[in-house]
Amino acid sequence: MNATAGSPLPCITVTDVRPDDIKLMALILRDPNPIHFDLDAVAAAGLGDRPVNQGGSTMAYVMNMLADWAGSRSAIRRISCSFRANVFAGDDVEVGGTVLEVRETDQGDLAECEVWADVVGGARAITGTASVLLPPGEG
């Protein structure tokens, strides 16, 4: 792990966002918005012909990348994201980021990071920041 200001976070790519996963998350989250499972509703909203991934699911891809990088989900101390574009069924999504600074805290070294999620070949779907507690000796 390279945890110095300006160093990139390891990118990961989620390939082929599956419509069944989008529908399942809508059920789990009790999300009644039909753009996640009803193609007629997607078309009526002017969004094309593929279900729309939940913003929270796309943000979870970013959180998975951070947890993999830091070695634990509990290392993620804060995340703040802005949802900028839709991710649709069938899209590939690349997530990554950059370390902005590393500072000492009472709990250890804390990396402040810029994070993002991009639709491969398309728009930036998420921009944001995160604070991640680094394993001892990594900051």
Protein backbone atom coordinates (compact mmCIF):
# COMPACT_ATOMS: atom_id res chain seq x y z
CA MET A 1 0.00 0.00 0.00
CA ASN A 2 1.32 3.42 -0.94
CA ALA A 3 -0.26 6.01 1.32
CA THR A 4 1.29 9.34 0.49
CA ALA A 5 -0.37 12.48 -0.81
CA GLY A 6 -0.89 12.21 -4.54
CA SER A 7 -0.68 8.42 -4.74
CA PRO A 8 -3.51 6.68 -6.60
CA LEU A 9 -5.82 4.20 -4.95
CA PRO A 10 -6.01 0.83 -6.69
CA CYS A 11 -8.73 0.92 -9.34
CA ILE A 12 -11.24 -1.89 -9.57
CA THR A 13 -13.71 -2.57 -12.34
CA VAL A 14 -17.18 -3.97 -11.80
CA THR A 15 -18.10 -5.64 -15.07
CA ASP A 16 -21.58 -6.00 -16.50
CA VAL A 17 -23.87 -4.58 -13.80
CA ARG A 18 -26.61 -7.19 -13.78
CA PRO A 19 -30.31 -6.33 -13.97
CA ASP A 20 -31.11 -9.17 -11.54
CA ASP A 21 -28.76 -7.60 -8.97
CA ILE A 22 -30.42 -4.20 -9.45
CA LYS A 23 -33.85 -5.74 -8.92
CA LEU A 24 -32.64 -7.71 -5.88
CA MET A 25 -31.22 -4.54 -4.28
CA ALA A 26 -34.53 -2.75 -4.91
CA LEU A 27 -36.27 -5.56 -3.01
CA ILE A 28 -33.73 -5.58 -0.16
CA LEU A 29 -33.82 -1.80 0.18
CA ARG A 30 -37.60 -1.69 -0.27
CA ASP A 31 -36.95 0.87 -2.99
CA PRO A 32 -40.27 1.34 -4.79
CA ASN A 33 -38.81 3.40 -7.65
CA PRO A 34 -39.77 1.42 -10.76
CA ILE A 35 -36.72 2.59 -12.79
CA HIS A 36 -34.82 -0.19 -11.01
CA PHE A 37 -37.00 -3.04 -12.31
CA ASP A 38 -39.72 -1.88 -14.74
CA LEU A 39 -38.53 -1.21 -18.31
CA ASP A 40 -41.73 0.69 -19.14
CA ALA A 41 -41.02 3.06 -16.24
CA VAL A 42 -37.42 3.48 -17.40
CA ALA A 43 -38.64 4.43 -20.89
CA ALA A 44 -41.36 6.73 -19.52
CA ALA A 45 -38.71 8.57 -17.49
CA GLY A 46 -36.71 9.12 -20.68
CA LEU A 47 -33.85 6.96 -19.42
CA GLY A 48 -33.63 4.44 -22.25
CA ASP A 49 -34.30 0.75 -22.11
CA ARG A 50 -32.16 -0.63 -19.26
CA PRO A 51 -32.80 -0.67 -15.50
CA VAL A 52 -30.99 1.98 -13.45
CA ASN A 53 -28.60 0.85 -10.71
CA GLN A 54 -29.25 2.30 -7.27
CA GLY A 55 -26.87 5.13 -6.39
CA GLY A 56 -26.14 3.40 -3.10
CA SER A 57 -25.05 0.26 -4.94
CA THR A 58 -22.66 2.26 -7.09
CA MET A 59 -21.33 3.93 -3.93
CA ALA A 60 -20.85 0.45 -2.43
CA TYR A 61 -18.43 -0.33 -5.29
CA VAL A 62 -16.34 2.62 -4.06
CA MET A 63 -16.57 1.39 -0.48
CA ASN A 64 -15.48 -2.11 -1.55
CA MET A 65 -12.41 -0.62 -3.24
CA LEU A 66 -11.54 1.34 -0.07
CA ALA A 67 -12.03 -1.72 2.14
CA ASP A 68 -9.83 -3.84 -0.13
CA TRP A 69 -7.15 -1.14 -0.07
CA ALA A 70 -7.23 -0.64 3.70
CA GLY A 71 -7.81 -4.30 4.59
CA SER A 72 -11.11 -3.80 6.39
CA ARG A 73 -14.52 -2.17 6.03
CA SER A 74 -14.11 -0.82 9.55
CA ALA A 75 -11.18 1.28 8.30
CA ILE A 76 -13.61 3.52 6.40
CA ARG A 77 -14.32 6.32 8.83
CA ARG A 78 -16.28 8.64 6.55
CA ILE A 79 -17.49 8.78 2.98
CA SER A 80 -19.36 11.55 1.20
CA CYS A 81 -20.47 11.19 -2.40
CA SER A 82 -22.23 13.22 -5.03
CA PHE A 83 -24.27 11.24 -7.53
CA ARG A 84 -23.66 12.75 -10.98
CA ALA A 85 -24.84 10.23 -13.58
CA ASN A 86 -26.77 6.99 -13.84
CA VAL A 87 -25.30 3.52 -14.05
CA PHE A 88 -27.42 1.13 -16.10
CA ALA A 89 -27.71 -2.63 -16.34
CA GLY A 90 -24.95 -3.91 -18.60
CA ASP A 91 -22.53 -1.07 -17.78
CA ASP A 92 -19.00 -1.63 -16.58
CA VAL A 93 -17.98 0.67 -13.72
CA GLU A 94 -14.43 1.60 -12.78
CA VAL A 95 -13.81 2.98 -9.29
CA GLY A 96 -10.68 4.56 -7.90
CA GLY A 97 -9.29 7.62 -6.26
CA THR A 98 -6.28 9.51 -4.99
CA VAL A 99 -4.80 10.06 -1.55
CA LEU A 100 -5.09 13.79 -0.80
CA GLU A 101 -3.25 13.78 2.54
CA VAL A 102 -2.25 11.51 5.41
CA ARG A 103 -2.39 12.84 8.95
CA GLU A 104 -1.79 11.46 12.40
CA THR A 105 -4.75 11.00 14.74
CA ASP A 106 -5.16 9.42 18.17
CA GLN A 107 -6.34 6.24 16.42
CA GLY A 108 -3.53 6.10 13.83
CA ASP A 109 -2.81 7.58 10.42
CA LEU A 110 -5.87 8.77 8.56
CA ALA A 111 -5.83 9.04 4.76
CA GLU A 112 -8.10 11.68 3.27
CA CYS A 113 -8.97 10.55 -0.24
CA GLU A 114 -10.75 11.73 -3.34
CA VAL A 115 -12.89 8.90 -4.76
CA TRP A 116 -14.87 8.37 -7.96
CA ALA A 117 -16.89 5.89 -9.99
CA ASP A 118 -16.93 6.08 -13.78
CA VAL A 119 -19.10 4.29 -16.29
CA VAL A 120 -16.49 2.77 -18.59
CA GLY A 121 -16.73 4.71 -21.85
CA GLY A 122 -19.22 7.10 -20.29
CA ALA A 123 -19.81 9.63 -17.56
CA ARG A 124 -18.41 10.03 -14.07
CA ALA A 125 -21.25 8.64 -11.96
CA ILE A 126 -19.88 9.49 -8.50
CA THR A 127 -17.41 11.98 -7.09
CA GLY A 128 -16.59 12.19 -3.43
CA THR A 129 -14.21 12.05 -0.53
CA ALA A 130 -13.44 9.46 2.12
CA SER A 131 -11.42 9.17 5.30
CA VAL A 132 -9.69 5.82 5.79
CA LEU A 133 -7.75 4.65 8.85
CA LEU A 134 -4.57 3.03 7.64
CA PRO A 135 -3.04 -0.17 9.02
CA PRO A 136 -0.13 0.55 11.40
CA GLY A 137 3.05 1.53 9.58
CA GLU A 138 1.29 2.35 6.28
CA GLY A 139 0.95 6.13 6.57
